[in-house]
C-alpha cells in the first residue's frame, strides 16, 4: 500500500491533527517504512508453523478442585440488614 502526501494530510485532518508540510513529509516517510515492513512480514510463509498458546514452553500448574474452606454464609449474613432464602436483600436503585 502506498500513500501520497495528500493522503497523510487527509488522515491528519480526519484525526483533527494539525500537521505542517515538513511534518507531513516526515509522517509519509515513516508510514511508508512501516507499510514496507508489513509487506515483508506478510511475504513470509507461516503455514507450517503451529500457533503457540504462550511465548514460552510452559504449562500452568493446576491444583486439585477440592473445597478448602468451610461454609460461613450464615455467619456473614448474620450482620446483614435483610436476608431472605440465603440472599442479601438490597434497595432497588435502578428503575
PDB file of N, CA and C in Angstrom:
ATOM      1  N   UNK A   1       0.844  -1.173   0.000  1.00  0.00           N
ATOM      2  CA  UNK A   1       0.000   0.000   0.000  1.00  0.00           C
ATOM      3  C   UNK A   1       0.887   1.232   0.000  1.00  0.00           C
ATOM      4  N   UNK A   2       0.583   2.143  -0.856  1.00  0.00           N
ATOM      5  CA  UNK A   2       1.373   3.369  -0.906  1.00  0.00           C
ATOM      6  C   UNK A   2       0.476   4.557  -0.577  1.00  0.00           C
ATOM      7  N   UNK A   3       1.049   5.476   0.124  1.00  0.00           N
ATOM      8  CA  UNK A   3       0.338   6.695   0.498  1.00  0.00           C
ATOM      9  C   UNK A   3       0.933   7.877  -0.231  1.00  0.00           C
ATOM     10  N   UNK A   4       0.108   8.860  -0.442  1.00  0.00           N
ATOM     11  CA  UNK A   4       0.606  10.114  -1.006  1.00  0.00           C
ATOM     12  C   UNK A   4       0.595  11.168   0.096  1.00  0.00           C
ATOM     13  N   UNK A   5       1.176  12.287  -0.185  1.00  0.00           N
ATOM     14  CA  UNK A   5       1.207  13.382   0.788  1.00  0.00           C
ATOM     15  C   UNK A   5      -0.208  13.872   1.079  1.00  0.00           C
ATOM     16  N   UNK A   6      -1.065  13.858   0.068  1.00  0.00           N
ATOM     17  CA  UNK A   6      -2.462  14.267   0.268  1.00  0.00           C
ATOM     18  C   UNK A   6      -3.182  13.294   1.203  1.00  0.00           C
ATOM     19  N   UNK A   7      -2.857  11.996   1.100  1.00  0.00           N
ATOM     20  CA  UNK A   7      -3.465  11.010   1.998  1.00  0.00           C
ATOM     21  C   UNK A   7      -3.083  11.286   3.450  1.00  0.00           C
ATOM     22  N   UNK A   8      -1.829  11.590   3.686  1.00  0.00           N
ATOM     23  CA  UNK A   8      -1.359  11.881   5.035  1.00  0.00           C
ATOM     24  C   UNK A   8      -2.067  13.113   5.589  1.00  0.00           C
ATOM     25  N   UNK A   9      -2.190  14.140   4.772  1.00  0.00           N
ATOM     26  CA  UNK A   9      -2.866  15.367   5.220  1.00  0.00           C
ATOM     27  C   UNK A   9      -4.344  15.110   5.486  1.00  0.00           C
ATOM     28  N   UNK A  10      -4.965  14.283   4.652  1.00  0.00           N
ATOM     29  CA  UNK A  10      -6.382  13.974   4.835  1.00  0.00           C
ATOM     30  C   UNK A  10      -6.592  13.181   6.120  1.00  0.00           C
ATOM     31  N   UNK A  11      -5.725  12.212   6.378  1.00  0.00           N
ATOM     32  CA  UNK A  11      -5.819  11.418   7.611  1.00  0.00           C
ATOM     33  C   UNK A  11      -5.605  12.311   8.828  1.00  0.00           C
ATOM     34  N   UNK A  12      -4.647  13.205   8.752  1.00  0.00           N
ATOM     35  CA  UNK A  12      -4.395  14.137   9.859  1.00  0.00           C
ATOM     36  C   UNK A  12      -5.611  15.027  10.086  1.00  0.00           C
ATOM     37  N   UNK A  13      -6.252  15.456   9.007  1.00  0.00           N
ATOM     38  CA  UNK A  13      -7.447  16.297   9.119  1.00  0.00           C
ATOM     39  C   UNK A  13      -8.584  15.515   9.773  1.00  0.00           C
ATOM     40  N   UNK A  14      -8.754  14.250   9.376  1.00  0.00           N
ATOM     41  CA  UNK A  14      -9.800  13.425   9.971  1.00  0.00           C
ATOM     42  C   UNK A  14      -9.546  13.182  11.454  1.00  0.00           C
ATOM     43  N   UNK A  15      -8.281  13.091  11.826  1.00  0.00           N
ATOM     44  CA  UNK A  15      -7.916  12.873  13.227  1.00  0.00           C
ATOM     45  C   UNK A  15      -7.845  14.183  13.998  1.00  0.00           C
ATOM     46  N   UNK A  16      -8.141  15.261  13.323  1.00  0.00           N
ATOM     47  CA  UNK A  16      -8.100  16.601  13.938  1.00  0.00           C
ATOM     48  C   UNK A  16      -6.699  16.921  14.460  1.00  0.00           C
ATOM     49  N   UNK A  17      -5.700  16.566  13.644  1.00  0.00           N
ATOM     50  CA  UNK A  17      -4.314  16.852  13.983  1.00  0.00           C
ATOM     51  C   UNK A  17      -3.782  17.841  12.959  1.00  0.00           C
ATOM     52  N   UNK A  18      -3.256  18.928  13.446  1.00  0.00           N
ATOM     53  CA  UNK A  18      -2.688  19.926  12.536  1.00  0.00           C
ATOM     54  C   UNK A  18      -1.240  19.544  12.232  1.00  0.00           C
ATOM     55  N   UNK A  19      -0.949  19.335  10.955  1.00  0.00           N
ATOM     56  CA  UNK A  19       0.411  18.998  10.543  1.00  0.00           C
ATOM     57  C   UNK A  19       0.873  19.998   9.495  1.00  0.00           C
ATOM     58  N   UNK A  20       2.132  20.385   9.642  1.00  0.00           N
ATOM     59  CA  UNK A  20       2.735  21.264   8.655  1.00  0.00           C
ATOM     60  C   UNK A  20       3.278  20.453   7.487  1.00  0.00           C
ATOM     61  N   UNK A  21       3.815  21.151   6.514  1.00  0.00           N
ATOM     62  CA  UNK A  21       4.337  20.491   5.318  1.00  0.00           C
ATOM     63  C   UNK A  21       5.496  19.551   5.669  1.00  0.00           C
ATOM     64  N   UNK A  22       6.413  20.035   6.509  1.00  0.00           N
ATOM     65  CA  UNK A  22       7.559  19.220   6.906  1.00  0.00           C
ATOM     66  C   UNK A  22       7.127  17.994   7.702  1.00  0.00           C
ATOM     67  N   UNK A  23       6.177  18.182   8.647  1.00  0.00           N
ATOM     68  CA  UNK A  23       5.676  17.066   9.450  1.00  0.00           C
ATOM     69  C   UNK A  23       4.965  16.035   8.574  1.00  0.00           C
ATOM     70  N   UNK A  24       4.242  16.505   7.569  1.00  0.00           N
ATOM     71  CA  UNK A  24       3.539  15.594   6.665  1.00  0.00           C
ATOM     72  C   UNK A  24       4.539  14.747   5.881  1.00  0.00           C
ATOM     73  N   UNK A  25       5.631  15.361   5.424  1.00  0.00           N
ATOM     74  CA  UNK A  25       6.662  14.605   4.696  1.00  0.00           C
ATOM     75  C   UNK A  25       7.322  13.567   5.623  1.00  0.00           C
ATOM     76  N   UNK A  26       7.590  13.974   6.860  1.00  0.00           N
ATOM     77  CA  UNK A  26       8.193  13.054   7.825  1.00  0.00           C
ATOM     78  C   UNK A  26       7.257  11.882   8.113  1.00  0.00           C
ATOM     79  N   UNK A  27       5.978  12.184   8.326  1.00  0.00           N
ATOM     80  CA  UNK A  27       4.996  11.132   8.582  1.00  0.00           C
ATOM     81  C   UNK A  27       4.860  10.203   7.381  1.00  0.00           C
ATOM     82  N   UNK A  28       4.891  10.768   6.180  1.00  0.00           N
ATOM     83  CA  UNK A  28       4.796   9.959   4.962  1.00  0.00           C
ATOM     84  C   UNK A  28       5.980   8.999   4.869  1.00  0.00           C
ATOM     85  N   UNK A  29       7.169   9.471   5.169  1.00  0.00           N
ATOM     86  CA  UNK A  29       8.356   8.618   5.136  1.00  0.00           C
ATOM     87  C   UNK A  29       8.249   7.502   6.166  1.00  0.00           C
ATOM     88  N   UNK A  30       7.821   7.834   7.377  1.00  0.00           N
ATOM     89  CA  UNK A  30       7.696   6.831   8.438  1.00  0.00           C
ATOM     90  C   UNK A  30       6.603   5.809   8.113  1.00  0.00           C
ATOM     91  N   UNK A  31       5.472   6.272   7.608  1.00  0.00           N
ATOM     92  CA  UNK A  31       4.392   5.348   7.269  1.00  0.00           C
ATOM     93  C   UNK A  31       4.771   4.445   6.107  1.00  0.00           C
ATOM     94  N   UNK A  32       5.498   4.970   5.147  1.00  0.00           N
ATOM     95  CA  UNK A  32       5.964   4.148   4.030  1.00  0.00           C
ATOM     96  C   UNK A  32       6.896   3.050   4.530  1.00  0.00           C
ATOM     97  N   UNK A  33       7.756   3.372   5.475  1.00  0.00           N
ATOM     98  CA  UNK A  33       8.642   2.376   6.069  1.00  0.00           C
ATOM     99  C   UNK A  33       7.865   1.309   6.825  1.00  0.00           C
ATOM    100  N   UNK A  34       6.844   1.725   7.539  1.00  0.00           N
ATOM    101  CA  UNK A  34       6.021   0.771   8.293  1.00  0.00           C
ATOM    102  C   UNK A  34       5.290  -0.160   7.335  1.00  0.00           C
ATOM    103  N   UNK A  35       4.709   0.394   6.272  1.00  0.00           N
ATOM    104  CA  UNK A  35       4.000  -0.441   5.294  1.00  0.00           C
ATOM    105  C   UNK A  35       4.955  -1.392   4.585  1.00  0.00           C
ATOM    106  N   UNK A  36       6.174  -0.964   4.360  1.00  0.00           N
ATOM    107  CA  UNK A  36       7.170  -1.840   3.742  1.00  0.00           C
ATOM    108  C   UNK A  36       7.498  -3.007   4.664  1.00  0.00           C
ATOM    109  N   UNK A  37       7.651  -2.739   5.939  1.00  0.00           N
ATOM    110  CA  UNK A  37       7.916  -3.792   6.914  1.00  0.00           C
ATOM    111  C   UNK A  37       6.751  -4.770   6.984  1.00  0.00           C
ATOM    112  N   UNK A  38       5.530  -4.264   6.948  1.00  0.00           N
ATOM    113  CA  UNK A  38       4.350  -5.132   6.978  1.00  0.00           C
ATOM    114  C   UNK A  38       4.320  -6.034   5.753  1.00  0.00           C
ATOM    115  N   UNK A  39       4.646  -5.501   4.583  1.00  0.00           N
ATOM    116  CA  UNK A  39       4.688  -6.311   3.362  1.00  0.00           C
ATOM    117  C   UNK A  39       5.741  -7.409   3.474  1.00  0.00           C
ATOM    118  N   UNK A  40       6.890  -7.097   4.040  1.00  0.00           N
ATOM    119  CA  UNK A  40       7.933  -8.114   4.226  1.00  0.00           C
ATOM    120  C   UNK A  40       7.453  -9.216   5.167  1.00  0.00           C
ATOM    121  N   UNK A  41       6.764  -8.834   6.238  1.00  0.00           N
ATOM    122  CA  UNK A  41       6.282  -9.815   7.197  1.00  0.00           C
ATOM    123  C   UNK A  41       5.180 -10.685   6.590  1.00  0.00           C
ATOM    124  N   UNK A  42       4.330 -10.100   5.748  1.00  0.00           N
ATOM    125  CA  UNK A  42       3.264 -10.871   5.128  1.00  0.00           C
ATOM    126  C   UNK A  42       3.796 -11.806   4.051  1.00  0.00           C
ATOM    127  N   UNK A  43       4.973 -11.547   3.530  1.00  0.00           N
ATOM    128  CA  UNK A  43       5.554 -12.386   2.485  1.00  0.00           C
ATOM    129  C   UNK A  43       6.109 -13.692   3.045  1.00  0.00           C
ATOM    130  N   UNK A  44       6.313 -13.769   4.336  1.00  0.00           N
ATOM    131  CA  UNK A  44       6.876 -14.968   4.962  1.00  0.00           C
ATOM    132  C   UNK A  44       5.797 -16.050   5.043  1.00  0.00           C
ATOM    133  N   UNK A  45       6.131 -17.272   4.612  1.00  0.00           N
ATOM    134  CA  UNK A  45       5.205 -18.398   4.670  1.00  0.00           C
ATOM    135  C   UNK A  45       5.192 -18.966   6.087  1.00  0.00           C
ATOM    136  N   UNK A  46       4.081 -18.806   6.773  1.00  0.00           N
ATOM    137  CA  UNK A  46       3.965 -19.289   8.152  1.00  0.00           C
ATOM    138  C   UNK A  46       3.042 -20.499   8.258  1.00  0.00           C
ATOM    139  N   UNK A  47       2.652 -21.090   7.140  1.00  0.00           N
ATOM    140  CA  UNK A  47       1.706 -22.206   7.179  1.00  0.00           C
ATOM    141  C   UNK A  47       2.246 -23.432   7.910  1.00  0.00           C
ATOM    142  N   UNK A  48       3.547 -23.777   7.841  1.00  0.00           N
ATOM    143  CA  UNK A  48       3.984 -24.967   8.578  1.00  0.00           C
ATOM    144  C   UNK A  48       4.199 -24.730  10.078  1.00  0.00           C
ATOM    145  N   UNK A  49       4.022 -23.526  10.539  1.00  0.00           N
ATOM    146  CA  UNK A  49       4.275 -23.208  11.941  1.00  0.00           C
ATOM    147  C   UNK A  49       2.970 -23.329  12.724  1.00  0.00           C
ATOM    148  N   UNK A  50       3.009 -24.094  13.797  1.00  0.00           N
ATOM    149  CA  UNK A  50       1.807 -24.245  14.627  1.00  0.00           C
ATOM    150  C   UNK A  50       1.697 -23.069  15.586  1.00  0.00           C
ATOM    151  N   UNK A  51       0.491 -22.579  15.796  1.00  0.00           N
ATOM    152  CA  UNK A  51       0.306 -21.452  16.716  1.00  0.00           C
ATOM    153  C   UNK A  51       0.688 -21.839  18.141  1.00  0.00           C
ATOM    154  N   UNK A  52       1.203 -20.865  18.886  1.00  0.00           N
ATOM    155  CA  UNK A  52       1.592 -21.091  20.271  1.00  0.00           C
ATOM    156  C   UNK A  52       0.544 -20.486  21.196  1.00  0.00           C
ATOM    157  N   UNK A  53       0.310 -21.126  22.303  1.00  0.00           N
ATOM    158  CA  UNK A  53      -0.600 -20.559  23.285  1.00  0.00           C
ATOM    159  C   UNK A  53       0.141 -19.659  24.268  1.00  0.00           C
ATOM    160  N   UNK A  54       1.470 -19.769  24.274  1.00  0.00           N
ATOM    161  CA  UNK A  54       2.285 -18.983  25.188  1.00  0.00           C
ATOM    162  C   UNK A  54       3.643 -18.763  24.538  1.00  0.00           C
ATOM    163  N   UNK A  55       4.269 -17.652  24.835  1.00  0.00           N
ATOM    164  CA  UNK A  55       5.563 -17.341  24.233  1.00  0.00           C
ATOM    165  C   UNK A  55       6.662 -18.283  24.688  1.00  0.00           C
ATOM    166  N   UNK A  56       6.507 -18.861  25.855  1.00  0.00           N
ATOM    167  CA  UNK A  56       7.478 -19.826  26.366  1.00  0.00           C
ATOM    168  C   UNK A  56       6.803 -21.183  26.485  1.00  0.00           C
ATOM    169  N   UNK A  57       7.563 -22.217  26.456  1.00  0.00           N
ATOM    170  CA  UNK A  57       7.013 -23.560  26.549  1.00  0.00           C
ATOM    171  C   UNK A  57       6.784 -23.920  28.008  1.00  0.00           C
ATOM    172  N   UNK A  58       5.739 -23.351  28.591  1.00  0.00           N
ATOM    173  CA  UNK A  58       5.419 -23.609  29.992  1.00  0.00           C
ATOM    174  C   UNK A  58       3.973 -24.072  30.100  1.00  0.00           C
ATOM    175  N   UNK A  59       3.689 -24.792  31.147  1.00  0.00           N
ATOM    176  CA  UNK A  59       2.337 -25.253  31.423  1.00  0.00           C
ATOM    177  C   UNK A  59       1.890 -24.643  32.744  1.00  0.00           C
ATOM    178  N   UNK A  60       0.606 -24.360  32.837  1.00  0.00           N
ATOM    179  CA  UNK A  60       0.069 -23.804  34.068  1.00  0.00           C
ATOM    180  C   UNK A  60      -0.081 -24.918  35.100  1.00  0.00           C
ATOM    181  N   UNK A  61       0.407 -24.643  36.293  1.00  0.00           N
ATOM    182  CA  UNK A  61       0.263 -25.630  37.371  1.00  0.00           C
ATOM    183  C   UNK A  61      -1.181 -25.602  37.859  1.00  0.00           C
ATOM    184  N   UNK A  62      -1.797 -26.745  37.914  1.00  0.00           N
ATOM    185  CA  UNK A  62      -3.172 -26.838  38.370  1.00  0.00           C
ATOM    186  C   UNK A  62      -3.215 -27.500  39.737  1.00  0.00           C
ATOM    187  N   UNK A  63      -4.140 -27.062  40.551  1.00  0.00           N
ATOM    188  CA  UNK A  63      -4.309 -27.663  41.862  1.00  0.00           C
ATOM    189  C   UNK A  63      -5.598 -28.488  41.846  1.00  0.00           C
ATOM    190  N   UNK A  64      -5.722 -29.416  42.737  1.00  0.00           N
ATOM    191  CA  UNK A  64      -6.946 -30.229  42.764  1.00  0.00           C
ATOM    192  C   UNK A  64      -8.160 -29.372  43.112  1.00  0.00           C
ATOM    193  N   UNK A  65      -9.287 -29.681  42.510  1.00  0.00           N
ATOM    194  CA  UNK A  65     -10.513 -28.930  42.725  1.00  0.00           C
ATOM    195  C   UNK A  65     -11.241 -29.502  43.939  1.00  0.00           C
ATOM    196  N   UNK A  66     -10.803 -29.068  45.122  1.00  0.00           N
ATOM    197  CA  UNK A  66     -11.410 -29.533  46.365  1.00  0.00           C
ATOM    198  C   UNK A  66     -11.755 -28.326  47.224  1.00  0.00           C
ATOM    199  N   UNK A  67     -12.764 -28.484  48.061  1.00  0.00           N
ATOM    200  CA  UNK A  67     -13.173 -27.425  48.981  1.00  0.00           C
ATOM    201  C   UNK A  67     -12.158 -27.354  50.106  1.00  0.00           C
ATOM    202  N   UNK A  68     -11.625 -26.148  50.347  1.00  0.00           N
ATOM    203  CA  UNK A  68     -10.621 -25.990  51.401  1.00  0.00           C
ATOM    204  C   UNK A  68     -11.107 -25.103  52.538  1.00  0.00           C
ATOM    205  N   UNK A  69     -12.264 -24.455  52.360  1.00  0.00           N
ATOM    206  CA  UNK A  69     -12.796 -23.599  53.415  1.00  0.00           C
ATOM    207  C   UNK A  69     -14.190 -24.078  53.798  1.00  0.00           C
ATOM    208  N   UNK A  70     -14.580 -23.770  55.028  1.00  0.00           N
ATOM    209  CA  UNK A  70     -15.915 -24.151  55.479  1.00  0.00           C
ATOM    210  C   UNK A  70     -16.923 -23.101  55.036  1.00  0.00           C
ATOM    211  N   UNK A  71     -18.188 -23.513  54.952  1.00  0.00           N
ATOM    212  CA  UNK A  71     -19.262 -22.613  54.554  1.00  0.00           C
ATOM    213  C   UNK A  71     -19.579 -21.667  55.712  1.00  0.00           C
ATOM    214  N   UNK A  72     -19.367 -20.374  55.521  1.00  0.00           N
ATOM    215  CA  UNK A  72     -19.606 -19.380  56.559  1.00  0.00           C
ATOM    216  C   UNK A  72     -20.710 -18.401  56.167  1.00  0.00           C
ATOM    217  N   UNK A  73     -21.611 -18.825  55.269  1.00  0.00           N
ATOM    218  CA  UNK A  73     -22.656 -17.927  54.793  1.00  0.00           C
ATOM    219  C   UNK A  73     -23.533 -17.428  55.936  1.00  0.00           C
ATOM    220  N   UNK A  74     -23.934 -18.314  56.827  1.00  0.00           N
ATOM    221  CA  UNK A  74     -24.795 -17.904  57.946  1.00  0.00           C
ATOM    222  C   UNK A  74     -24.108 -16.849  58.816  1.00  0.00           C
ATOM    223  N   UNK A  75     -22.830 -17.011  59.065  1.00  0.00           N
ATOM    224  CA  UNK A  75     -22.085 -16.041  59.861  1.00  0.00           C
ATOM    225  C   UNK A  75     -22.039 -14.688  59.159  1.00  0.00           C
ATOM    226  N   UNK A  76     -21.739 -14.697  57.858  1.00  0.00           N
ATOM    227  CA  UNK A  76     -21.651 -13.440  57.105  1.00  0.00           C
ATOM    228  C   UNK A  76     -23.011 -12.758  56.998  1.00  0.00           C
ATOM    229  N   UNK A  77     -24.068 -13.553  56.821  1.00  0.00           N
ATOM    230  CA  UNK A  77     -25.397 -12.956  56.665  1.00  0.00           C
ATOM    231  C   UNK A  77     -26.014 -12.547  57.995  1.00  0.00           C
ATOM    232  N   UNK A  78     -25.420 -12.941  59.090  1.00  0.00           N
ATOM    233  CA  UNK A  78     -25.974 -12.558  60.394  1.00  0.00           C
ATOM    234  C   UNK A  78     -25.850 -11.062  60.649  1.00  0.00           C
ATOM    235  N   UNK A  79     -24.926 -10.390  60.013  1.00  0.00           N
ATOM    236  CA  UNK A  79     -24.765  -8.951  60.207  1.00  0.00           C
ATOM    237  C   UNK A  79     -25.445  -8.139  59.111  1.00  0.00           C
ATOM    238  N   UNK A  80     -26.050  -8.797  58.131  1.00  0.00           N
ATOM    239  CA  UNK A  80     -26.719  -8.094  57.032  1.00  0.00           C
ATOM    240  C   UNK A  80     -28.062  -7.561  57.504  1.00  0.00           C
ATOM    241  N   UNK A  81     -28.473  -6.371  57.019  1.00  0.00           N
ATOM    242  CA  UNK A  81     -29.762  -5.808  57.446  1.00  0.00           C
ATOM    243  C   UNK A  81     -30.958  -6.663  57.029  1.00  0.00           C
ATOM    244  N   UNK A  82     -30.939  -7.202  55.794  1.00  0.00           N
ATOM    245  CA  UNK A  82     -32.063  -8.016  55.324  1.00  0.00           C
ATOM    246  C   UNK A  82     -31.539  -9.192  54.513  1.00  0.00           C
ATOM    247  N   UNK A  83     -32.035 -10.373  54.870  1.00  0.00           N
ATOM    248  CA  UNK A  83     -31.643 -11.600  54.175  1.00  0.00           C
ATOM    249  C   UNK A  83     -32.900 -12.441  53.984  1.00  0.00           C
ATOM    250  N   UNK A  84     -33.006 -13.061  52.824  1.00  0.00           N
ATOM    251  CA  UNK A  84     -34.137 -13.958  52.582  1.00  0.00           C
ATOM    252  C   UNK A  84     -33.680 -15.114  51.701  1.00  0.00           C
ATOM    253  N   UNK A  85     -33.920 -16.313  52.126  1.00  0.00           N
ATOM    254  CA  UNK A  85     -33.589 -17.534  51.386  1.00  0.00           C
ATOM    255  C   UNK A  85     -32.106 -17.576  51.006  1.00  0.00           C
ATOM    256  N   UNK A  86     -31.256 -17.109  51.919  1.00  0.00           N
ATOM    257  CA  UNK A  86     -29.816 -17.149  51.659  1.00  0.00           C
ATOM    258  C   UNK A  86     -29.313 -16.032  50.766  1.00  0.00           C
ATOM    259  N   UNK A  87     -30.158 -15.059  50.428  1.00  0.00           N
ATOM    260  CA  UNK A  87     -29.766 -13.955  49.550  1.00  0.00           C
ATOM    261  C   UNK A  87     -29.805 -12.647  50.317  1.00  0.00           C
ATOM    262  N   UNK A  88     -28.914 -11.737  49.971  1.00  0.00           N
ATOM    263  CA  UNK A  88     -28.921 -10.399  50.555  1.00  0.00           C
ATOM    264  C   UNK A  88     -29.985  -9.570  49.854  1.00  0.00           C
ATOM    265  N   UNK A  89     -30.827  -8.897  50.616  1.00  0.00           N
ATOM    266  CA  UNK A  89     -31.843  -8.021  50.046  1.00  0.00           C
ATOM    267  C   UNK A  89     -31.328  -6.584  50.115  1.00  0.00           C
ATOM    268  N   UNK A  90     -31.363  -5.908  48.972  1.00  0.00           N
ATOM    269  CA  UNK A  90     -30.877  -4.526  48.890  1.00  0.00           C
ATOM    270  C   UNK A  90     -31.957  -3.654  48.281  1.00  0.00           C
ATOM    271  N   UNK A  91     -31.935  -2.346  48.550  1.00  0.00           N
ATOM    272  CA  UNK A  91     -32.945  -1.472  47.955  1.00  0.00           C
ATOM    273  C   UNK A  91     -32.758  -1.374  46.439  1.00  0.00           C
ATOM    274  N   UNK A  92     -33.867  -1.198  45.739  1.00  0.00           N
ATOM    275  CA  UNK A  92     -33.819  -1.036  44.297  1.00  0.00           C
ATOM    276  C   UNK A  92     -33.250   0.336  43.970  1.00  0.00           C
ATOM    277  N   UNK A  93     -32.215   0.371  43.142  1.00  0.00           N
ATOM    278  CA  UNK A  93     -31.568   1.651  42.796  1.00  0.00           C
ATOM    279  C   UNK A  93     -31.761   2.017  41.337  1.00  0.00           C
ATOM    280  N   UNK A  94     -32.167   1.081  40.508  1.00  0.00           N
ATOM    281  CA  UNK A  94     -32.398   1.352  39.089  1.00  0.00           C
ATOM    282  C   UNK A  94     -33.841   1.008  38.770  1.00  0.00           C
ATOM    283  N   UNK A  95     -34.544   1.943  38.166  1.00  0.00           N
ATOM    284  CA  UNK A  95     -35.954   1.688  37.838  1.00  0.00           C
ATOM    285  C   UNK A  95     -36.088   1.248  36.410  1.00  0.00           C
TER     286      UNK A  95
END
